[in-house]
Amino acid sequence: MQHDPATGGSALERRLIELETRLAFQEHALAELSQALADARIEGGRNAELLRHMLSDLRKVRTELYADPADEPPPPHY
C-alpha cells in the first residue's frame, strides 16, 4: 500500500472511499425510485377505480336516457 502524505491516505483507501460514496448514492437513488414506483402504483389504482365508477355512472345515465332501445341513436357508421 502506498501512503500519500498529501492526501493522508493510500490510493486504495481513496478508491474505497469513492466506491462507498457511489454505493451510498446508488442506494439513495434506488430508494427514491422505489418510493416513486409505489406512489405511481397507488395513483394508478385510484385512477382505475375512478374509471370504473365513471363507466358505471355512464351506463346508468345511458340506460335512463334510452330506456327503449328504439330511442337509441344509430351507431356512427350509419
Protein backbone atom coordinates (compact mmCIF):
# COMPACT_ATOMS: atom_id res chain seq x y z
CA MET A 1 0.00 0.00 0.00
CA GLN A 2 1.36 3.37 -0.96
CA HIS A 3 0.84 6.13 1.54
CA ASP A 4 0.27 9.57 0.07
CA PRO A 5 1.20 12.19 2.67
CA ALA A 6 -0.53 14.96 0.69
CA THR A 7 -3.95 13.33 0.99
CA GLY A 8 -3.45 11.46 4.23
CA GLY A 9 -4.25 8.05 2.76
CA SER A 10 -3.30 5.46 0.21
CA ALA A 11 -4.68 5.23 -3.31
CA LEU A 12 -6.55 2.11 -2.22
CA GLU A 13 -8.18 3.97 0.68
CA ARG A 14 -9.20 6.83 -1.61
CA ARG A 15 -10.66 4.36 -4.09
CA LEU A 16 -12.54 2.55 -1.33
CA ILE A 17 -13.99 5.83 -0.06
CA GLU A 18 -15.03 6.78 -3.61
CA LEU A 19 -16.73 3.39 -4.11
CA GLU A 20 -18.52 3.65 -0.76
CA THR A 21 -19.71 7.14 -1.70
CA ARG A 22 -21.00 5.92 -5.05
CA LEU A 23 -22.72 2.97 -3.37
CA ALA A 24 -24.44 5.27 -0.88
CA PHE A 25 -25.62 7.48 -3.74
CA GLN A 26 -26.93 4.46 -5.67
CA GLU A 27 -28.77 3.14 -2.59
CA HIS A 28 -30.38 6.55 -2.07
CA ALA A 29 -31.41 6.80 -5.73
CA LEU A 30 -32.83 3.27 -5.63
CA ALA A 31 -34.88 4.10 -2.52
CA GLU A 32 -36.26 7.22 -4.22
CA LEU A 33 -37.17 5.26 -7.36
CA SER A 34 -38.80 2.55 -5.28
CA GLN A 35 -40.95 5.14 -3.50
CA ALA A 36 -41.86 6.82 -6.78
CA LEU A 37 -42.92 3.45 -8.22
CA ALA A 38 -45.03 2.69 -5.14
CA ASP A 39 -46.69 6.11 -5.41
CA ALA A 40 -47.37 5.59 -9.12
CA ARG A 41 -48.96 2.19 -8.44
CA ILE A 42 -51.22 3.71 -5.79
CA GLU A 43 -52.22 6.52 -8.16
CA GLY A 44 -52.83 4.02 -10.96
CA GLY A 45 -55.10 2.02 -8.67
CA ARG A 46 -57.04 5.15 -7.76
CA ASN A 47 -57.37 6.10 -11.41
CA ALA A 48 -58.59 2.61 -12.34
CA GLU A 49 -61.20 2.73 -9.57
CA LEU A 50 -62.31 6.21 -10.68
CA LEU A 51 -62.63 4.99 -14.27
CA ARG A 52 -64.73 2.01 -13.14
CA HIS A 53 -67.08 4.34 -11.27
CA MET A 54 -67.33 6.73 -14.20
CA LEU A 55 -68.12 3.89 -16.62
CA SER A 56 -70.76 2.57 -14.23
CA ASP A 57 -72.33 6.02 -13.95
CA LEU A 58 -72.23 6.43 -17.73
CA ARG A 59 -74.04 3.11 -18.19
CA LYS A 60 -76.71 4.21 -15.70
CA VAL A 61 -77.22 7.53 -17.47
CA ARG A 62 -77.36 5.86 -20.86
CA THR A 63 -79.89 3.32 -19.57
CA GLU A 64 -82.05 6.13 -18.21
CA LEU A 65 -81.80 8.20 -21.41
CA TYR A 66 -82.51 5.31 -23.75
CA ALA A 67 -84.83 3.05 -21.76
CA ASP A 68 -86.41 1.96 -25.06
CA PRO A 69 -83.76 0.57 -27.46
CA ALA A 70 -85.69 2.11 -30.36
CA ASP A 71 -84.89 5.56 -28.98
CA GLU A 72 -81.16 4.91 -29.10
CA PRO A 73 -79.41 6.68 -31.98
CA PRO A 74 -77.79 4.51 -34.65
CA PRO A 75 -74.05 3.85 -34.44
CA PRO A 76 -71.77 6.40 -36.14
CA HIS A 77 -71.13 4.22 -39.22
CA TYR A 78 -74.75 4.56 -40.45
